[in-house]
Amino acid sequence: MPSRLPKQDKLNILRASRLAKLAWLVHGFSTRLGGFSSAYGVDTLNLGFTKDDSRADVERNRATFLRQLSAGRERGRGNNSYLWPLVTLRQIHSDIIRFVDSPPASQLAGDGLITATPGLFLGIQTADCLPIILVDPKRRAVGVFHAGWRGTVKRIVEKGVGEMRRRFGSRPHDLKAAIGPGIQGCCYEVGEEVREKFESQFAYAEKLFREVEESDPVREKYPMLFLTARAPGRNILPKKIFLDLAEANRQQLLGTGLSAKSIEVLPLCTNCRTDLLFSYRAEKGKTGRMMGVVGIRE
């Protein structure tokens, strides 16, 4: 029986327009479309080794994605060609950034990867958190970072800029950034404790949050049922709090010295677009993983 072929025509890679102009750079953000997995829908491109999916399918997904991402830039020719090594992390919602110049002997833990070595793919997995790519066109150095709310509070991208400066001599005003798809401010409801953590760290925290009064259709239709002896104002429904995670990271990048025109935000929301993207929140934890990947051509 012939092996099942990948859905090449459906595989969709998202790219940042400014980064796509750099001929020496390989980068992209995967979607859920065009793979071999069946755990999260038909022919999905799950790139994470999750408990619901088979390792063999994920490995085939990764190879398909990286081959299309590199646009035929495999090492060697013909039957001897092979893809650049992919370096990933055991992500732990931290501010740990790893410098690599070759594939590590064992998997590293952390939430950021940087390199100036050609011929390596650096990858960050996401399913609501933000994948963020940093590129230094002057020194041909790159980084990729995993920014959920915890990593953002710990200033993962701000520290990423600092690490690139320390390792490669990168100057912030030379850097370009792409903030990939993630859960957006329209959908990212958080608790008061998250807002307090941001307020303790950032002077601009207030503009990262919006409040929406929670509605109750039954209460609105039958207000007499909810009359109490409490003083006025004591029976008000709590407000929902939403965080704009992409703006939080954009502000960090601006604060380090990047210009606004050098920061590109892909506005797709994972929670809204489960037809295109994986979302841990929308799919209640049973979902695949996308990947933000960057590499330097040899």
C-alpha atoms as a PDB file:
ATOM      1  CA  MET A   1       0.000   0.000   0.000  1.00  0.00           C
ATOM      2  CA  PRO A   2       1.498   3.412  -0.921  1.00  0.00           C
ATOM      3  CA  SER A   3       2.188   5.816   1.917  1.00  0.00           C
ATOM      4  CA  ARG A   4      -0.197   8.702   2.376  1.00  0.00           C
ATOM      5  CA  LEU A   5       1.025  11.870   0.683  1.00  0.00           C
ATOM      6  CA  PRO A   6       1.219  15.217   2.501  1.00  0.00           C
ATOM      7  CA  LYS A   7      -1.357  17.826   1.684  1.00  0.00           C
ATOM      8  CA  GLN A   8       1.200  20.166   0.117  1.00  0.00           C
ATOM      9  CA  ASP A   9      -1.471  22.267  -1.528  1.00  0.00           C
ATOM     10  CA  LYS A  10      -3.029  23.005   1.877  1.00  0.00           C
ATOM     11  CA  LEU A  11       0.139  23.635   3.869  1.00  0.00           C
ATOM     12  CA  ASN A  12       0.087  27.316   4.733  1.00  0.00           C
ATOM     13  CA  ILE A  13       3.138  29.158   6.094  1.00  0.00           C
ATOM     14  CA  LEU A  14       2.724  32.698   7.408  1.00  0.00           C
ATOM     15  CA  ARG A  15       5.597  35.130   6.948  1.00  0.00           C
ATOM     16  CA  ALA A  16       6.363  38.674   8.040  1.00  0.00           C
ATOM     17  CA  SER A  17       6.591  40.947   5.004  1.00  0.00           C
ATOM     18  CA  ARG A  18       9.700  42.833   6.158  1.00  0.00           C
ATOM     19  CA  LEU A  19      11.621  39.704   7.077  1.00  0.00           C
ATOM     20  CA  ALA A  20      10.668  38.061   3.789  1.00  0.00           C
ATOM     21  CA  LYS A  21      12.766  40.701   1.978  1.00  0.00           C
ATOM     22  CA  LEU A  22      15.987  39.367   3.540  1.00  0.00           C
ATOM     23  CA  ALA A  23      17.372  36.843   1.029  1.00  0.00           C
ATOM     24  CA  TRP A  24      19.688  35.214   3.583  1.00  0.00           C
ATOM     25  CA  LEU A  25      16.906  34.590   6.094  1.00  0.00           C
ATOM     26  CA  VAL A  26      14.520  31.638   6.397  1.00  0.00           C
ATOM     27  CA  HIS A  27      11.523  32.206   8.641  1.00  0.00           C
ATOM     28  CA  GLY A  28       7.876  31.333   9.018  1.00  0.00           C
ATOM     29  CA  PHE A  29       4.959  30.580  11.311  1.00  0.00           C
ATOM     30  CA  SER A  30       3.089  27.327  10.752  1.00  0.00           C
ATOM     31  CA  THR A  31      -0.677  26.861  10.777  1.00  0.00           C
ATOM     32  CA  ARG A  32      -2.726  23.734  11.446  1.00  0.00           C
ATOM     33  CA  LEU A  33      -3.275  22.987   7.758  1.00  0.00           C
ATOM     34  CA  GLY A  34      -1.657  20.440   5.496  1.00  0.00           C
ATOM     35  CA  GLY A  35      -0.098  17.655   7.568  1.00  0.00           C
ATOM     36  CA  PHE A  36      -0.406  13.987   8.458  1.00  0.00           C
ATOM     37  CA  SER A  37      -1.965  14.166  11.930  1.00  0.00           C
ATOM     38  CA  SER A  38      -5.526  13.068  12.628  1.00  0.00           C
ATOM     39  CA  ALA A  39      -5.637  13.627  16.402  1.00  0.00           C
ATOM     40  CA  TYR A  40      -6.854  17.230  16.019  1.00  0.00           C
ATOM     41  CA  GLY A  41      -8.765  17.045  12.771  1.00  0.00           C
ATOM     42  CA  VAL A  42      -8.143  15.624   9.323  1.00  0.00           C
ATOM     43  CA  ASP A  43      -4.676  16.171   7.814  1.00  0.00           C
ATOM     44  CA  THR A  44      -3.480  18.654  10.425  1.00  0.00           C
ATOM     45  CA  LEU A  45       0.070  19.928  10.803  1.00  0.00           C
ATOM     46  CA  ASN A  46       0.744  19.281  14.466  1.00  0.00           C
ATOM     47  CA  LEU A  47       4.431  20.028  15.118  1.00  0.00           C
ATOM     48  CA  GLY A  48       4.508  19.151  18.814  1.00  0.00           C
ATOM     49  CA  PHE A  49       5.072  15.731  20.376  1.00  0.00           C
ATOM     50  CA  THR A  50       1.754  15.717  22.226  1.00  0.00           C
ATOM     51  CA  LYS A  51       0.211  12.773  24.073  1.00  0.00           C
ATOM     52  CA  ASP A  52      -2.665  12.429  21.592  1.00  0.00           C
ATOM     53  CA  ASP A  53      -0.613  12.291  18.392  1.00  0.00           C
ATOM     54  CA  SER A  54       1.826   9.705  17.061  1.00  0.00           C
ATOM     55  CA  ARG A  55       5.516  10.548  17.026  1.00  0.00           C
ATOM     56  CA  ALA A  56       5.848   9.265  13.464  1.00  0.00           C
ATOM     57  CA  ASP A  57       3.160  11.645  12.178  1.00  0.00           C
ATOM     58  CA  VAL A  58       4.701  14.604  13.996  1.00  0.00           C
ATOM     59  CA  GLU A  59       8.128  13.820  12.563  1.00  0.00           C
ATOM     60  CA  ARG A  60       6.637  13.682   9.064  1.00  0.00           C
ATOM     61  CA  ASN A  61       4.821  16.954   9.722  1.00  0.00           C
ATOM     62  CA  ARG A  62       8.050  18.615  10.820  1.00  0.00           C
ATOM     63  CA  ALA A  63       9.950  17.382   7.786  1.00  0.00           C
ATOM     64  CA  THR A  64       7.196  18.570   5.436  1.00  0.00           C
ATOM     65  CA  PHE A  65       7.009  21.979   7.083  1.00  0.00           C
ATOM     66  CA  LEU A  66      10.769  22.534   7.178  1.00  0.00           C
ATOM     67  CA  ARG A  67      11.220  21.368   3.600  1.00  0.00           C
ATOM     68  CA  GLN A  68       8.635  23.845   2.335  1.00  0.00           C
ATOM     69  CA  LEU A  69       9.927  26.558   4.658  1.00  0.00           C
ATOM     70  CA  SER A  70      13.458  26.241   3.333  1.00  0.00           C
ATOM     71  CA  ALA A  71      12.199  26.273  -0.272  1.00  0.00           C
ATOM     72  CA  GLY A  72      14.544  23.556  -1.461  1.00  0.00           C
ATOM     73  CA  ARG A  73      17.575  24.789   0.462  1.00  0.00           C
ATOM     74  CA  GLU A  74      18.410  21.367   1.882  1.00  0.00           C
ATOM     75  CA  ARG A  75      22.052  20.418   2.218  1.00  0.00           C
ATOM     76  CA  GLY A  76      23.306  18.198  -0.568  1.00  0.00           C
ATOM     77  CA  ARG A  77      21.526  17.169  -3.717  1.00  0.00           C
ATOM     78  CA  GLY A  78      19.267  14.431  -4.933  1.00  0.00           C
ATOM     79  CA  ASN A  79      18.834  11.416  -2.697  1.00  0.00           C
ATOM     80  CA  ASN A  80      21.592  12.620  -0.373  1.00  0.00           C
ATOM     81  CA  SER A  81      19.883  15.912   0.498  1.00  0.00           C
ATOM     82  CA  TYR A  82      18.768  16.515   4.053  1.00  0.00           C
ATOM     83  CA  LEU A  83      17.231  19.331   6.042  1.00  0.00           C
ATOM     84  CA  TRP A  84      19.015  21.631   8.430  1.00  0.00           C
ATOM     85  CA  PRO A  85      18.846  20.419  12.041  1.00  0.00           C
ATOM     86  CA  LEU A  86      15.913  21.777  14.030  1.00  0.00           C
ATOM     87  CA  VAL A  87      16.714  23.039  17.541  1.00  0.00           C
ATOM     88  CA  THR A  88      13.773  23.309  19.937  1.00  0.00           C
ATOM     89  CA  LEU A  89      13.376  23.700  23.693  1.00  0.00           C
ATOM     90  CA  ARG A  90      11.507  22.163  26.580  1.00  0.00           C
ATOM     91  CA  GLN A  91       9.511  25.324  27.140  1.00  0.00           C
ATOM     92  CA  ILE A  92       8.915  26.275  30.771  1.00  0.00           C
ATOM     93  CA  HIS A  93       7.389  29.803  30.652  1.00  0.00           C
ATOM     94  CA  SER A  94      10.679  31.332  31.762  1.00  0.00           C
ATOM     95  CA  ASP A  95      13.065  34.112  30.735  1.00  0.00           C
ATOM     96  CA  ILE A  96      15.869  31.620  29.950  1.00  0.00           C
ATOM     97  CA  ILE A  97      17.505  32.220  26.569  1.00  0.00           C
ATOM     98  CA  ARG A  98      19.888  29.677  25.049  1.00  0.00           C
ATOM     99  CA  PHE A  99      22.709  30.491  22.644  1.00  0.00           C
ATOM    100  CA  VAL A 100      23.378  27.666  20.168  1.00  0.00           C
ATOM    101  CA  ASP A 101      25.950  27.259  17.422  1.00  0.00           C
ATOM    102  CA  SER A 102      25.278  23.551  16.778  1.00  0.00           C
ATOM    103  CA  PRO A 103      22.567  21.033  17.652  1.00  0.00           C
ATOM    104  CA  PRO A 104      22.772  20.333  21.412  1.00  0.00           C
ATOM    105  CA  ALA A 105      23.508  16.814  22.606  1.00  0.00           C
ATOM    106  CA  SER A 106      20.298  16.811  24.662  1.00  0.00           C
ATOM    107  CA  GLN A 107      17.221  18.975  24.666  1.00  0.00           C
ATOM    108  CA  LEU A 108      17.650  22.304  26.428  1.00  0.00           C
ATOM    109  CA  ALA A 109      15.059  23.904  28.694  1.00  0.00           C
ATOM    110  CA  GLY A 110      14.091  27.538  28.301  1.00  0.00           C
ATOM    111  CA  ASP A 111      11.989  29.891  26.186  1.00  0.00           C
ATOM    112  CA  GLY A 112      14.394  31.628  23.838  1.00  0.00           C
ATOM    113  CA  LEU A 113      17.005  30.587  21.278  1.00  0.00           C
ATOM    114  CA  ILE A 114      19.617  32.764  19.536  1.00  0.00           C
ATOM    115  CA  THR A 115      22.309  32.011  16.962  1.00  0.00           C
ATOM    116  CA  ALA A 116      24.543  33.506  14.293  1.00  0.00           C
ATOM    117  CA  THR A 117      25.372  30.089  12.838  1.00  0.00           C
ATOM    118  CA  PRO A 118      24.030  29.326   9.340  1.00  0.00           C
ATOM    119  CA  GLY A 119      22.339  26.029   8.619  1.00  0.00           C
ATOM    120  CA  LEU A 120      20.282  25.686  11.800  1.00  0.00           C
ATOM    121  CA  PHE A 121      16.531  25.976  12.277  1.00  0.00           C
ATOM    122  CA  LEU A 122      15.491  27.477  15.630  1.00  0.00           C
ATOM    123  CA  GLY A 123      11.896  26.677  16.597  1.00  0.00           C
ATOM    124  CA  ILE A 124       9.415  27.727  19.283  1.00  0.00           C
ATOM    125  CA  GLN A 125       6.119  25.865  19.752  1.00  0.00           C
ATOM    126  CA  THR A 126       2.862  27.673  20.502  1.00  0.00           C
ATOM    127  CA  ALA A 127      -0.895  27.154  20.723  1.00  0.00           C
ATOM    128  CA  ASP A 128      -1.994  30.584  22.101  1.00  0.00           C
ATOM    129  CA  CYS A 129       1.256  32.105  23.387  1.00  0.00           C
ATOM    130  CA  LEU A 130       3.197  34.332  21.016  1.00  0.00           C
ATOM    131  CA  PRO A 131       6.141  33.215  18.882  1.00  0.00           C
ATOM    132  CA  ILE A 132       8.472  36.181  18.383  1.00  0.00           C
ATOM    133  CA  ILE A 133      11.337  36.333  15.899  1.00  0.00           C
ATOM    134  CA  LEU A 134      14.219  38.820  16.174  1.00  0.00           C
ATOM    135  CA  VAL A 135      16.614  39.425  13.300  1.00  0.00           C
ATOM    136  CA  ASP A 136      19.814  41.475  13.054  1.00  0.00           C
ATOM    137  CA  PRO A 137      20.368  42.137   9.320  1.00  0.00           C
ATOM    138  CA  LYS A 138      23.745  43.808   9.949  1.00  0.00           C
ATOM    139  CA  ARG A 139      25.333  40.880  11.816  1.00  0.00           C
ATOM    140  CA  ARG A 140      23.162  38.110  10.409  1.00  0.00           C
ATOM    141  CA  ALA A 141      22.066  36.926  13.813  1.00  0.00           C
ATOM    142  CA  VAL A 142      18.608  35.665  14.782  1.00  0.00           C
ATOM    143  CA  GLY A 143      16.512  34.690  17.768  1.00  0.00           C
ATOM    144  CA  VAL A 144      13.114  33.176  18.476  1.00  0.00           C
ATOM    145  CA  PHE A 145      11.161  33.484  21.727  1.00  0.00           C
ATOM    146  CA  HIS A 146       8.118  31.995  23.453  1.00  0.00           C
ATOM    147  CA  ALA A 147       6.041  34.728  25.112  1.00  0.00           C
ATOM    148  CA  GLY A 148       3.009  33.791  27.146  1.00  0.00           C
ATOM    149  CA  TRP A 149       1.903  36.134  29.910  1.00  0.00           C
ATOM    150  CA  ARG A 150       4.449  34.683  32.330  1.00  0.00           C
ATOM    151  CA  GLY A 151       7.343  35.085  29.930  1.00  0.00           C
ATOM    152  CA  THR A 152       6.145  38.567  29.049  1.00  0.00           C
ATOM    153  CA  VAL A 153       6.069  39.641  32.703  1.00  0.00           C
ATOM    154  CA  LYS A 154       9.617  38.260  32.983  1.00  0.00           C
ATOM    155  CA  ARG A 155      10.591  40.411  29.947  1.00  0.00           C
ATOM    156  CA  ILE A 156      11.648  37.527  27.692  1.00  0.00           C
ATOM    157  CA  VAL A 157      11.893  39.621  24.491  1.00  0.00           C
ATOM    158  CA  GLU A 158      13.550  42.539  26.262  1.00  0.00           C
ATOM    159  CA  LYS A 159      16.163  40.129  27.581  1.00  0.00           C
ATOM    160  CA  GLY A 160      16.388  38.582  24.117  1.00  0.00           C
ATOM    161  CA  VAL A 161      17.460  41.931  22.694  1.00  0.00           C
ATOM    162  CA  GLY A 162      20.024  42.192  25.486  1.00  0.00           C
ATOM    163  CA  GLU A 163      21.378  38.701  24.814  1.00  0.00           C
ATOM    164  CA  MET A 164      21.761  39.429  21.112  1.00  0.00           C
ATOM    165  CA  ARG A 165      23.634  42.579  21.966  1.00  0.00           C
ATOM    166  CA  ARG A 166      25.903  40.715  24.374  1.00  0.00           C
ATOM    167  CA  ARG A 167      26.587  37.750  22.090  1.00  0.00           C
ATOM    168  CA  PHE A 168      26.662  39.359  18.658  1.00  0.00           C
ATOM    169  CA  GLY A 169      27.057  43.084  19.235  1.00  0.00           C
ATOM    170  CA  SER A 170      23.542  43.691  17.908  1.00  0.00           C
ATOM    171  CA  ARG A 171      22.279  47.249  18.201  1.00  0.00           C
ATOM    172  CA  PRO A 172      18.560  47.567  18.954  1.00  0.00           C
ATOM    173  CA  HIS A 173      17.939  50.130  16.209  1.00  0.00           C
ATOM    174  CA  ASP A 174      19.243  47.596  13.655  1.00  0.00           C
ATOM    175  CA  LEU A 175      16.901  44.810  14.770  1.00  0.00           C
ATOM    176  CA  LYS A 176      13.695  43.725  13.086  1.00  0.00           C
ATOM    177  CA  ALA A 177      10.965  41.800  14.890  1.00  0.00           C
ATOM    178  CA  ALA A 178       7.952  39.710  13.921  1.00  0.00           C
ATOM    179  CA  ILE A 179       5.285  38.833  16.471  1.00  0.00           C
ATOM    180  CA  GLY A 180       3.479  35.749  15.186  1.00  0.00           C
ATOM    181  CA  PRO A 181      -0.090  34.527  15.655  1.00  0.00           C
ATOM    182  CA  GLY A 182      -1.354  34.092  19.196  1.00  0.00           C
ATOM    183  CA  ILE A 183      -4.369  34.799  21.322  1.00  0.00           C
ATOM    184  CA  GLN A 184      -5.246  38.466  20.859  1.00  0.00           C
ATOM    185  CA  GLY A 185      -6.751  41.109  23.112  1.00  0.00           C
ATOM    186  CA  CYS A 186     -10.223  40.349  21.764  1.00  0.00           C
ATOM    187  CA  CYS A 187     -10.193  36.936  23.453  1.00  0.00           C
ATOM    188  CA  TYR A 188      -7.440  36.755  26.068  1.00  0.00           C
ATOM    189  CA  GLU A 189      -9.407  36.949  29.306  1.00  0.00           C
ATOM    190  CA  VAL A 190      -7.221  36.931  32.418  1.00  0.00           C
ATOM    191  CA  GLY A 191      -7.665  37.308  36.154  1.00  0.00           C
ATOM    192  CA  GLU A 192      -7.019  40.305  38.354  1.00  0.00           C
ATOM    193  CA  GLU A 193      -3.819  38.672  39.614  1.00  0.00           C
ATOM    194  CA  VAL A 194      -2.345  38.799  36.089  1.00  0.00           C
ATOM    195  CA  ARG A 195      -3.121  42.492  35.795  1.00  0.00           C
ATOM    196  CA  GLU A 196      -1.497  43.126  39.168  1.00  0.00           C
ATOM    197  CA  LYS A 197       1.693  41.383  38.038  1.00  0.00           C
ATOM    198  CA  PHE A 198       1.881  43.564  34.940  1.00  0.00           C
ATOM    199  CA  GLU A 199       1.159  46.709  36.926  1.00  0.00           C
ATOM    200  CA  SER A 200       4.023  45.876  39.260  1.00  0.00           C
ATOM    201  CA  GLN A 201       6.439  45.676  36.308  1.00  0.00           C
ATOM    202  CA  PHE A 202       5.379  48.136  33.616  1.00  0.00           C
ATOM    203  CA  ALA A 203       4.456  51.810  33.828  1.00  0.00           C
ATOM    204  CA  TYR A 204       2.280  51.429  30.712  1.00  0.00           C
ATOM    205  CA  ALA A 205       0.390  48.384  32.027  1.00  0.00           C
ATOM    206  CA  GLU A 206      -2.956  50.199  32.153  1.00  0.00           C
ATOM    207  CA  LYS A 207      -3.187  50.463  28.372  1.00  0.00           C
ATOM    208  CA  LEU A 208      -2.566  46.725  27.932  1.00  0.00           C
ATOM    209  CA  PHE A 209      -5.884  45.798  29.552  1.00  0.00           C
ATOM    210  CA  ARG A 210      -9.526  46.457  28.832  1.00  0.00           C
ATOM    211  CA  GLU A 211     -12.552  45.720  30.963  1.00  0.00           C
ATOM    212  CA  VAL A 212     -15.919  44.459  29.778  1.00  0.00           C
ATOM    213  CA  GLU A 213     -18.966  44.336  31.997  1.00  0.00           C
ATOM    214  CA  GLU A 214     -20.234  40.792  32.219  1.00  0.00           C
ATOM    215  CA  SER A 215     -23.817  40.437  31.045  1.00  0.00           C
ATOM    216  CA  ASP A 216     -26.502  38.038  32.226  1.00  0.00           C
ATOM    217  CA  PRO A 217     -29.481  37.793  29.825  1.00  0.00           C
ATOM    218  CA  VAL A 218     -31.731  36.271  32.510  1.00  0.00           C
ATOM    219  CA  ARG A 219     -30.872  39.033  34.990  1.00  0.00           C
ATOM    220  CA  GLU A 220     -31.498  41.691  32.346  1.00  0.00           C
ATOM    221  CA  LYS A 221     -34.881  40.199  31.398  1.00  0.00           C
ATOM    222  CA  TYR A 222     -36.073  39.506  34.951  1.00  0.00           C
ATOM    223  CA  PRO A 223     -34.355  42.053  37.225  1.00  0.00           C
ATOM    224  CA  MET A 224     -36.928  41.628  40.018  1.00  0.00           C
ATOM    225  CA  LEU A 225     -35.724  38.059  40.598  1.00  0.00           C
ATOM    226  CA  PHE A 226     -32.331  39.349  41.647  1.00  0.00           C
ATOM    227  CA  LEU A 227     -33.354  42.053  44.118  1.00  0.00           C
ATOM    228  CA  THR A 228     -31.489  41.777  47.428  1.00  0.00           C
ATOM    229  CA  ALA A 229     -31.305  43.667  50.677  1.00  0.00           C
ATOM    230  CA  ARG A 230     -27.680  44.602  49.961  1.00  0.00           C
ATOM    231  CA  ALA A 231     -26.663  48.213  49.598  1.00  0.00           C
ATOM    232  CA  PRO A 232     -26.657  49.590  46.022  1.00  0.00           C
ATOM    233  CA  GLY A 233     -23.649  48.466  44.005  1.00  0.00           C
ATOM    234  CA  ARG A 234     -23.109  45.290  46.041  1.00  0.00           C
ATOM    235  CA  ASN A 235     -24.885  43.025  43.544  1.00  0.00           C
ATOM    236  CA  ILE A 236     -23.022  44.090  40.410  1.00  0.00           C
ATOM    237  CA  LEU A 237     -21.619  41.382  38.167  1.00  0.00           C
ATOM    238  CA  PRO A 238     -17.807  41.287  37.982  1.00  0.00           C
ATOM    239  CA  LYS A 239     -16.027  42.758  34.980  1.00  0.00           C
ATOM    240  CA  LYS A 240     -14.068  40.632  32.545  1.00  0.00           C
ATOM    241  CA  ILE A 241     -10.440  41.619  32.031  1.00  0.00           C
ATOM    242  CA  PHE A 242      -8.690  41.161  28.678  1.00  0.00           C
ATOM    243  CA  LEU A 243      -4.940  41.409  28.050  1.00  0.00           C
ATOM    244  CA  ASP A 244      -3.353  42.533  24.767  1.00  0.00           C
ATOM    245  CA  LEU A 245      -0.312  40.267  24.865  1.00  0.00           C
ATOM    246  CA  ALA A 246       0.982  41.341  21.453  1.00  0.00           C
ATOM    247  CA  GLU A 247       0.963  44.998  22.478  1.00  0.00           C
ATOM    248  CA  ALA A 248       2.720  44.127  25.727  1.00  0.00           C
ATOM    249  CA  ASN A 249       5.593  42.602  23.784  1.00  0.00           C
ATOM    250  CA  ARG A 250       5.596  45.387  21.200  1.00  0.00           C
ATOM    251  CA  GLN A 251       6.007  47.896  24.025  1.00  0.00           C
ATOM    252  CA  GLN A 252       8.950  45.912  25.408  1.00  0.00           C
ATOM    253  CA  LEU A 253      10.641  45.947  22.012  1.00  0.00           C
ATOM    254  CA  LEU A 254      10.054  49.681  21.643  1.00  0.00           C
ATOM    255  CA  GLY A 255      11.491  50.207  25.112  1.00  0.00           C
ATOM    256  CA  THR A 256      14.723  48.458  24.141  1.00  0.00           C
ATOM    257  CA  GLY A 257      15.245  50.781  21.169  1.00  0.00           C
ATOM    258  CA  LEU A 258      13.585  49.079  18.195  1.00  0.00           C
ATOM    259  CA  SER A 259      11.714  51.476  15.926  1.00  0.00           C
ATOM    260  CA  ALA A 260       7.973  51.034  15.499  1.00  0.00           C
ATOM    261  CA  LYS A 261       8.359  50.396  11.759  1.00  0.00           C
ATOM    262  CA  SER A 262      10.753  47.509  12.503  1.00  0.00           C
ATOM    263  CA  ILE A 263       8.127  45.579  14.486  1.00  0.00           C
ATOM    264  CA  GLU A 264       5.525  43.611  12.547  1.00  0.00           C
ATOM    265  CA  VAL A 265       2.561  42.066  14.347  1.00  0.00           C
ATOM    266  CA  LEU A 266       0.602  39.325  12.584  1.00  0.00           C
ATOM    267  CA  PRO A 267      -2.942  40.065  13.792  1.00  0.00           C
ATOM    268  CA  LEU A 268      -4.433  36.558  13.573  1.00  0.00           C
ATOM    269  CA  CYS A 269      -6.049  35.378  16.807  1.00  0.00           C
ATOM    270  CA  THR A 270      -5.654  31.693  17.652  1.00  0.00           C
ATOM    271  CA  ASN A 271      -8.847  31.663  19.719  1.00  0.00           C
ATOM    272  CA  CYS A 272     -10.897  33.182  16.860  1.00  0.00           C
ATOM    273  CA  ARG A 273      -9.323  31.226  13.997  1.00  0.00           C
ATOM    274  CA  THR A 274      -9.353  27.563  14.982  1.00  0.00           C
ATOM    275  CA  ASP A 275     -10.034  26.829  11.314  1.00  0.00           C
ATOM    276  CA  LEU A 276      -6.457  27.948  10.611  1.00  0.00           C
ATOM    277  CA  LEU A 277      -4.604  27.851  13.935  1.00  0.00           C
ATOM    278  CA  PHE A 278      -4.327  25.680  17.041  1.00  0.00           C
ATOM    279  CA  SER A 279      -5.675  27.189  20.275  1.00  0.00           C
ATOM    280  CA  TYR A 280      -5.139  25.583  23.674  1.00  0.00           C
ATOM    281  CA  ARG A 281      -7.860  27.742  25.204  1.00  0.00           C
ATOM    282  CA  ALA A 282     -10.500  27.421  22.488  1.00  0.00           C
ATOM    283  CA  GLU A 283      -9.963  23.660  22.177  1.00  0.00           C
ATOM    284  CA  LYS A 284      -9.888  23.115  25.944  1.00  0.00           C
ATOM    285  CA  GLY A 285      -6.374  21.737  26.067  1.00  0.00           C
ATOM    286  CA  LYS A 286      -6.727  19.044  23.398  1.00  0.00           C
ATOM    287  CA  THR A 287      -4.878  20.641  20.525  1.00  0.00           C
ATOM    288  CA  GLY A 288      -1.714  20.510  18.473  1.00  0.00           C
ATOM    289  CA  ARG A 289       1.238  22.867  18.394  1.00  0.00           C
ATOM    290  CA  MET A 290       2.322  25.367  15.793  1.00  0.00           C
ATOM    291  CA  MET A 291       5.879  26.545  15.375  1.00  0.00           C
ATOM    292  CA  GLY A 292       7.694  29.806  14.732  1.00  0.00           C
ATOM    293  CA  VAL A 293      10.977  29.058  12.997  1.00  0.00           C
ATOM    294  CA  VAL A 294      13.980  31.102  11.894  1.00  0.00           C
ATOM    295  CA  GLY A 295      17.302  30.212  10.270  1.00  0.00           C
ATOM    296  CA  ILE A 296      20.253  31.678   8.384  1.00  0.00           C
ATOM    297  CA  ARG A 297      21.062  30.499   4.865  1.00  0.00           C
ATOM    298  CA  GLU A 298      24.569  29.164   4.301  1.00  0.00           C
END
